[in-house]
PDB file of all heavy atoms in Angstrom:
ATOM      1  N   VAL A   1      82.375 109.689 -74.674  1.00  0.00           N
ATOM      2  CA  VAL A   1      82.665 108.519 -75.506  1.00  0.00           C
ATOM      3  C   VAL A   1      81.793 108.538 -76.758  1.00  0.00           C
ATOM      4  O   VAL A   1      82.265 108.269 -77.872  1.00  0.00           O
ATOM      5  CB  VAL A   1      82.458 107.211 -74.713  1.00  0.00           C
ATOM      6  CG1 VAL A   1      82.501 106.011 -75.640  1.00  0.00           C
ATOM      7  CG2 VAL A   1      83.527 107.067 -73.632  1.00  0.00           C
ATOM      8  N   VAL A   2      80.504 108.856 -76.595  1.00  0.00           N
ATOM      9  CA  VAL A   2      79.614 108.921 -77.748  1.00  0.00           C
ATOM     10  C   VAL A   2      80.091 109.989 -78.729  1.00  0.00           C
ATOM     11  O   VAL A   2      80.124 109.767 -79.946  1.00  0.00           O
ATOM     12  CB  VAL A   2      78.167 109.199 -77.288  1.00  0.00           C
ATOM     13  CG1 VAL A   2      77.283 109.547 -78.483  1.00  0.00           C
ATOM     14  CG2 VAL A   2      77.602 107.992 -76.550  1.00  0.00           C
ATOM     15  N   ARG A   3      80.474 111.151 -78.214  1.00  0.00           N
ATOM     16  CA  ARG A   3      80.957 112.219 -79.099  1.00  0.00           C
ATOM     17  C   ARG A   3      82.184 111.785 -79.895  1.00  0.00           C
ATOM     18  O   ARG A   3      82.222 111.916 -81.125  1.00  0.00           O
ATOM     19  CB  ARG A   3      81.278 113.482 -78.295  1.00  0.00           C
ATOM     20  CG  ARG A   3      82.045 114.528 -79.119  1.00  0.00           C
ATOM     21  CD  ARG A   3      82.392 115.755 -78.326  1.00  0.00           C
ATOM     22  NE  ARG A   3      81.274 116.650 -78.213  1.00  0.00           N
ATOM     23  CZ  ARG A   3      80.875 117.519 -79.162  1.00  0.00           C
ATOM     24  NH1 ARG A   3      81.516 117.561 -80.334  1.00  0.00           N
ATOM     25  NH2 ARG A   3      79.862 118.320 -78.970  1.00  0.00           N
ATOM     26  N   VAL A   4      83.188 111.295 -79.201  1.00  0.00           N
ATOM     27  CA  VAL A   4      84.434 110.935 -79.880  1.00  0.00           C
ATOM     28  C   VAL A   4      84.190 109.792 -80.868  1.00  0.00           C
ATOM     29  O   VAL A   4      84.726 109.796 -81.985  1.00  0.00           O
ATOM     30  CB  VAL A   4      85.522 110.563 -78.855  1.00  0.00           C
ATOM     31  CG1 VAL A   4      86.791 110.101 -79.560  1.00  0.00           C
ATOM     32  CG2 VAL A   4      85.832 111.764 -77.956  1.00  0.00           C
ATOM     33  N   ALA A   5      83.355 108.826 -80.485  1.00  0.00           N
ATOM     34  CA  ALA A   5      83.046 107.722 -81.387  1.00  0.00           C
ATOM     35  C   ALA A   5      82.347 108.232 -82.645  1.00  0.00           C
ATOM     36  O   ALA A   5      82.650 107.795 -83.765  1.00  0.00           O
ATOM     37  CB  ALA A   5      82.182 106.692 -80.675  1.00  0.00           C
ATOM     38  N   ALA A   6      81.397 109.160 -82.474  1.00  0.00           N
ATOM     39  CA  ALA A   6      80.685 109.706 -83.633  1.00  0.00           C
ATOM     40  C   ALA A   6      81.633 110.502 -84.521  1.00  0.00           C
ATOM     41  O   ALA A   6      81.564 110.412 -85.751  1.00  0.00           O
ATOM     42  CB  ALA A   6      79.521 110.573 -83.160  1.00  0.00           C
ATOM     43  N   GLU A   7      82.514 111.287 -83.914  1.00  0.00           N
ATOM     44  CA  GLU A   7      83.472 112.061 -84.698  1.00  0.00           C
ATOM     45  C   GLU A   7      84.404 111.163 -85.500  1.00  0.00           C
ATOM     46  O   GLU A   7      84.862 111.543 -86.584  1.00  0.00           O
ATOM     47  CB  GLU A   7      84.282 112.976 -83.781  1.00  0.00           C
ATOM     48  CG  GLU A   7      83.472 114.119 -83.195  1.00  0.00           C
ATOM     49  CD  GLU A   7      84.253 114.961 -82.198  1.00  0.00           C
ATOM     50  OE1 GLU A   7      85.377 114.541 -81.802  1.00  0.00           O
ATOM     51  OE2 GLU A   7      83.749 116.017 -81.798  1.00  0.00           O
ATOM     52  N   ARG A   8      84.683 109.986 -84.977  1.00  0.00           N
ATOM     53  CA  ARG A   8      85.547 109.039 -85.683  1.00  0.00           C
ATOM     54  C   ARG A   8      84.793 108.214 -86.730  1.00  0.00           C
ATOM     55  O   ARG A   8      85.390 107.409 -87.437  1.00  0.00           O
ATOM     56  CB  ARG A   8      86.204 108.080 -84.681  1.00  0.00           C
ATOM     57  CG  ARG A   8      87.204 108.738 -83.750  1.00  0.00           C
ATOM     58  CD  ARG A   8      87.848 107.682 -82.864  1.00  0.00           C
ATOM     59  NE  ARG A   8      88.822 108.246 -81.942  1.00  0.00           N
ATOM     60  CZ  ARG A   8      89.572 107.514 -81.119  1.00  0.00           C
ATOM     61  NH1 ARG A   8      89.444 106.196 -81.113  1.00  0.00           N
ATOM     62  NH2 ARG A   8      90.436 108.092 -80.302  1.00  0.00           N
ATOM     63  N   GLY A   9      83.486 108.402 -86.808  1.00  0.00           N
ATOM     64  CA  GLY A   9      82.702 107.669 -87.782  1.00  0.00           C
ATOM     65  C   GLY A   9      82.354 106.259 -87.374  1.00  0.00           C
ATOM     66  O   GLY A   9      82.096 105.398 -88.236  1.00  0.00           O
ATOM     67  N   TYR A  10      82.292 105.987 -86.070  1.00  0.00           N
ATOM     68  CA  TYR A  10      82.020 104.643 -85.585  1.00  0.00           C
ATOM     69  C   TYR A  10      80.532 104.306 -85.488  1.00  0.00           C
ATOM     70  O   TYR A  10      80.179 103.188 -85.097  1.00  0.00           O
ATOM     71  CB  TYR A  10      82.649 104.442 -84.204  1.00  0.00           C
ATOM     72  CG  TYR A  10      84.160 104.409 -84.182  1.00  0.00           C
ATOM     73  CD1 TYR A  10      84.850 104.564 -82.984  1.00  0.00           C
ATOM     74  CD2 TYR A  10      84.896 104.207 -85.342  1.00  0.00           C
ATOM     75  CE1 TYR A  10      86.249 104.519 -82.943  1.00  0.00           C
ATOM     76  CE2 TYR A  10      86.283 104.172 -85.315  1.00  0.00           C
ATOM     77  CZ  TYR A  10      86.943 104.331 -84.115  1.00  0.00           C
ATOM     78  OH  TYR A  10      88.324 104.293 -84.078  1.00  0.00           O
ATOM     79  N   ASP A  11      79.651 105.267 -85.779  1.00  0.00           N
ATOM     80  CA  ASP A  11      78.198 105.025 -85.720  1.00  0.00           C
ATOM     81  C   ASP A  11      77.778 104.460 -84.365  1.00  0.00           C
ATOM     82  O   ASP A  11      77.198 103.364 -84.272  1.00  0.00           O
ATOM     83  CB  ASP A  11      77.762 104.070 -86.830  1.00  0.00           C
ATOM     84  CG  ASP A  11      78.061 104.613 -88.226  1.00  0.00           C
ATOM     85  OD1 ASP A  11      77.923 105.830 -88.419  1.00  0.00           O
ATOM     86  OD2 ASP A  11      78.441 103.823 -89.107  1.00  0.00           O
ATOM     87  N   PRO A  12      78.017 105.198 -83.281  1.00  0.00           N
ATOM     88  CA  PRO A  12      77.702 104.662 -81.953  1.00  0.00           C
ATOM     89  C   PRO A  12      76.219 104.747 -81.618  1.00  0.00           C
ATOM     90  O   PRO A  12      75.494 105.633 -82.092  1.00  0.00           O
ATOM     91  CB  PRO A  12      78.503 105.583 -81.024  1.00  0.00           C
ATOM     92  CG  PRO A  12      78.490 106.909 -81.739  1.00  0.00           C
ATOM     93  CD  PRO A  12      78.594 106.556 -83.207  1.00  0.00           C
ATOM     94  N   VAL A  13      75.781 103.818 -80.794  1.00  0.00           N
ATOM     95  CA  VAL A  13      74.444 103.863 -80.209  1.00  0.00           C
ATOM     96  C   VAL A  13      74.592 103.794 -78.695  1.00  0.00           C
ATOM     97  O   VAL A  13      75.253 102.889 -78.169  1.00  0.00           O
ATOM     98  CB  VAL A  13      73.563 102.692 -80.696  1.00  0.00           C
ATOM     99  CG1 VAL A  13      72.217 102.702 -79.966  1.00  0.00           C
ATOM    100  CG2 VAL A  13      73.337 102.776 -82.196  1.00  0.00           C
ATOM    101  N   LEU A  14      73.994 104.748 -78.005  1.00  0.00           N
ATOM    102  CA  LEU A  14      73.935 104.720 -76.545  1.00  0.00           C
ATOM    103  C   LEU A  14      72.690 103.938 -76.150  1.00  0.00           C
ATOM    104  O   LEU A  14      71.571 104.294 -76.546  1.00  0.00           O
ATOM    105  CB  LEU A  14      73.881 106.135 -75.983  1.00  0.00           C
ATOM    106  CG  LEU A  14      73.736 106.271 -74.464  1.00  0.00           C
ATOM    107  CD1 LEU A  14      74.908 105.619 -73.728  1.00  0.00           C
ATOM    108  CD2 LEU A  14      73.615 107.741 -74.064  1.00  0.00           C
ATOM    109  N   VAL A  15      72.871 102.876 -75.393  1.00  0.00           N
ATOM    110  CA  VAL A  15      71.763 102.019 -74.967  1.00  0.00           C
ATOM    111  C   VAL A  15      71.495 102.277 -73.491  1.00  0.00           C
ATOM    112  O   VAL A  15      72.360 102.074 -72.636  1.00  0.00           O
ATOM    113  CB  VAL A  15      72.092 100.528 -75.202  1.00  0.00           C
ATOM    114  CG1 VAL A  15      70.917  99.653 -74.760  1.00  0.00           C
ATOM    115  CG2 VAL A  15      72.414 100.279 -76.674  1.00  0.00           C
ATOM    116  N   ASP A  16      70.294 102.707 -73.207  1.00  0.00           N
ATOM    117  CA  ASP A  16      69.876 103.111 -71.865  1.00  0.00           C
ATOM    118  C   ASP A  16      69.184 101.941 -71.182  1.00  0.00           C
ATOM    119  O   ASP A  16      68.104 101.517 -71.612  1.00  0.00           O
ATOM    120  CB  ASP A  16      68.927 104.308 -72.021  1.00  0.00           C
ATOM    121  CG  ASP A  16      68.333 104.790 -70.712  1.00  0.00           C
ATOM    122  OD1 ASP A  16      68.741 104.297 -69.643  1.00  0.00           O
ATOM    123  OD2 ASP A  16      67.455 105.676 -70.764  1.00  0.00           O
ATOM    124  N   LEU A  17      69.792 101.410 -70.130  1.00  0.00           N
ATOM    125  CA  LEU A  17      69.205 100.268 -69.424  1.00  0.00           C
ATOM    126  C   LEU A  17      68.611 100.636 -68.069  1.00  0.00           C
ATOM    127  O   LEU A  17      68.280  99.750 -67.285  1.00  0.00           O
ATOM    128  CB  LEU A  17      70.262  99.168 -69.240  1.00  0.00           C
ATOM    129  CG  LEU A  17      70.805  98.529 -70.517  1.00  0.00           C
ATOM    130  CD1 LEU A  17      71.793  97.413 -70.164  1.00  0.00           C
ATOM    131  CD2 LEU A  17      69.686  97.992 -71.389  1.00  0.00           C
ATOM    132  N   ASP A  18      68.480 101.926 -67.782  1.00  0.00           N
ATOM    133  CA  ASP A  18      67.948 102.351 -66.491  1.00  0.00           C
ATOM    134  C   ASP A  18      66.647 103.127 -66.710  1.00  0.00           C
ATOM    135  O   ASP A  18      66.666 104.294 -67.100  1.00  0.00           O
ATOM    136  CB  ASP A  18      68.966 103.235 -65.768  1.00  0.00           C
ATOM    137  CG  ASP A  18      68.534 103.568 -64.351  1.00  0.00           C
ATOM    138  OD1 ASP A  18      67.396 103.230 -63.971  1.00  0.00           O
ATOM    139  OD2 ASP A  18      69.330 104.181 -63.615  1.00  0.00           O
ATOM    140  N   PRO A  19      65.497 102.504 -66.466  1.00  0.00           N
ATOM    141  CA  PRO A  19      64.224 103.186 -66.744  1.00  0.00           C
ATOM    142  C   PRO A  19      63.936 104.358 -65.819  1.00  0.00           C
ATOM    143  O   PRO A  19      63.071 105.183 -66.127  1.00  0.00           O
ATOM    144  CB  PRO A  19      63.183 102.071 -66.544  1.00  0.00           C
ATOM    145  CG  PRO A  19      63.829 101.082 -65.646  1.00  0.00           C
ATOM    146  CD  PRO A  19      65.294 101.120 -65.982  1.00  0.00           C
ATOM    147  N   TRP A  20      64.654 104.461 -64.706  1.00  0.00           N
ATOM    148  CA  TRP A  20      64.320 105.494 -63.720  1.00  0.00           C
ATOM    149  C   TRP A  20      65.319 106.647 -63.712  1.00  0.00           C
ATOM    150  O   TRP A  20      65.281 107.477 -62.810  1.00  0.00           O
ATOM    151  CB  TRP A  20      64.240 104.864 -62.322  1.00  0.00           C
ATOM    152  CG  TRP A  20      63.523 103.558 -62.290  1.00  0.00           C
ATOM    153  CD1 TRP A  20      63.991 102.361 -61.843  1.00  0.00           C
ATOM    154  CD2 TRP A  20      62.185 103.292 -62.748  1.00  0.00           C
ATOM    155  NE1 TRP A  20      63.053 101.373 -62.000  1.00  0.00           N
ATOM    156  CE2 TRP A  20      61.929 101.910 -62.542  1.00  0.00           C
ATOM    157  CE3 TRP A  20      61.184 104.084 -63.315  1.00  0.00           C
ATOM    158  CZ2 TRP A  20      60.720 101.305 -62.871  1.00  0.00           C
ATOM    159  CZ3 TRP A  20      59.978 103.480 -63.663  1.00  0.00           C
ATOM    160  CH2 TRP A  20      59.756 102.115 -63.428  1.00  0.00           C
ATOM    161  N   ALA A  21      66.194 106.726 -64.700  1.00  0.00           N
ATOM    162  CA  ALA A  21      67.240 107.752 -64.701  1.00  0.00           C
ATOM    163  C   ALA A  21      66.882 108.983 -65.515  1.00  0.00           C
ATOM    164  O   ALA A  21      67.695 109.896 -65.631  1.00  0.00           O
ATOM    165  CB  ALA A  21      68.547 107.162 -65.219  1.00  0.00           C
ATOM    166  N   GLY A  22      65.681 109.021 -66.078  1.00  0.00           N
ATOM    167  CA  GLY A  22      65.263 110.221 -66.792  1.00  0.00           C
ATOM    168  C   GLY A  22      65.507 110.198 -68.279  1.00  0.00           C
ATOM    169  O   GLY A  22      65.184 111.159 -68.975  1.00  0.00           O
ATOM    170  N   GLY A  23      66.073 109.117 -68.796  1.00  0.00           N
ATOM    171  CA  GLY A  23      66.242 108.988 -70.237  1.00  0.00           C
ATOM    172  C   GLY A  23      67.593 109.442 -70.739  1.00  0.00           C
ATOM    173  O   GLY A  23      67.975 110.602 -70.576  1.00  0.00           O
ATOM    174  N   SER A  24      68.329 108.534 -71.379  1.00  0.00           N
ATOM    175  CA  SER A  24      69.640 108.888 -71.915  1.00  0.00           C
ATOM    176  C   SER A  24      69.549 109.768 -73.151  1.00  0.00           C
ATOM    177  O   SER A  24      70.556 110.328 -73.585  1.00  0.00           O
ATOM    178  CB  SER A  24      70.441 107.624 -72.255  1.00  0.00           C
ATOM    179  OG  SER A  24      70.875 106.975 -71.078  1.00  0.00           O
ATOM    180  N   ASP A  25      68.346 109.894 -73.739  1.00  0.00           N
ATOM    181  CA  ASP A  25      68.199 110.857 -74.828  1.00  0.00           C
ATOM    182  C   ASP A  25      68.410 112.279 -74.312  1.00  0.00           C
ATOM    183  O   ASP A  25      68.914 113.153 -75.037  1.00  0.00           O
ATOM    184  CB  ASP A  25      66.840 110.709 -75.513  1.00  0.00           C
ATOM    185  CG  ASP A  25      65.666 110.684 -74.544  1.00  0.00           C
ATOM    186  OD1 ASP A  25      65.881 110.714 -73.320  1.00  0.00           O
ATOM    187  OD2 ASP A  25      64.515 110.605 -75.031  1.00  0.00           O
ATOM    188  N   VAL A  26      68.073 112.511 -73.044  1.00  0.00           N
ATOM    189  CA  VAL A  26      68.326 113.823 -72.428  1.00  0.00           C
ATOM    190  C   VAL A  26      69.827 114.078 -72.322  1.00  0.00           C
ATOM    191  O   VAL A  26      70.306 115.186 -72.567  1.00  0.00           O
ATOM    192  CB  VAL A  26      67.663 113.906 -71.031  1.00  0.00           C
ATOM    193  CG1 VAL A  26      67.978 115.224 -70.356  1.00  0.00           C
ATOM    194  CG2 VAL A  26      66.154 113.723 -71.156  1.00  0.00           C
ATOM    195  N   LEU A  27      70.572 113.033 -71.972  1.00  0.00           N
ATOM    196  CA  LEU A  27      72.026 113.141 -71.861  1.00  0.00           C
ATOM    197  C   LEU A  27      72.642 113.619 -73.170  1.00  0.00           C
ATOM    198  O   LEU A  27      73.595 114.399 -73.175  1.00  0.00           O
ATOM    199  CB  LEU A  27      72.612 111.773 -71.472  1.00  0.00           C
ATOM    200  CG  LEU A  27      74.131 111.640 -71.410  1.00  0.00           C
ATOM    201  CD1 LEU A  27      74.700 112.480 -70.285  1.00  0.00           C
ATOM    202  CD2 LEU A  27      74.523 110.183 -71.225  1.00  0.00           C
ATOM    203  N   LEU A  28      72.081 113.176 -74.305  1.00  0.00           N
ATOM    204  CA  LEU A  28      72.621 113.542 -75.608  1.00  0.00           C
ATOM    205  C   LEU A  28      71.920 114.753 -76.217  1.00  0.00           C
ATOM    206  O   LEU A  28      72.242 115.151 -77.340  1.00  0.00           O
ATOM    207  CB  LEU A  28      72.494 112.354 -76.578  1.00  0.00           C
ATOM    208  CG  LEU A  28      73.147 111.039 -76.156  1.00  0.00           C
ATOM    209  CD1 LEU A  28      73.100 110.039 -77.307  1.00  0.00           C
ATOM    210  CD2 LEU A  28      74.581 111.251 -75.692  1.00  0.00           C
ATOM    211  N   GLY A  29      70.966 115.319 -75.503  1.00  0.00           N
ATOM    212  CA  GLY A  29      70.232 116.456 -76.041  1.00  0.00           C
ATOM    213  C   GLY A  29      69.257 116.070 -77.134  1.00  0.00           C
ATOM    214  O   GLY A  29      68.893 116.890 -77.982  1.00  0.00           O
TER     215      GLY A  29
END
């Protein structure tokens, strides 16, 4: 979803609400 939104120019932000999941920045590289 983040990829497709960014490709469409929607300026997406992924908001990570789980402190114990290892960080959503890892998910996006």
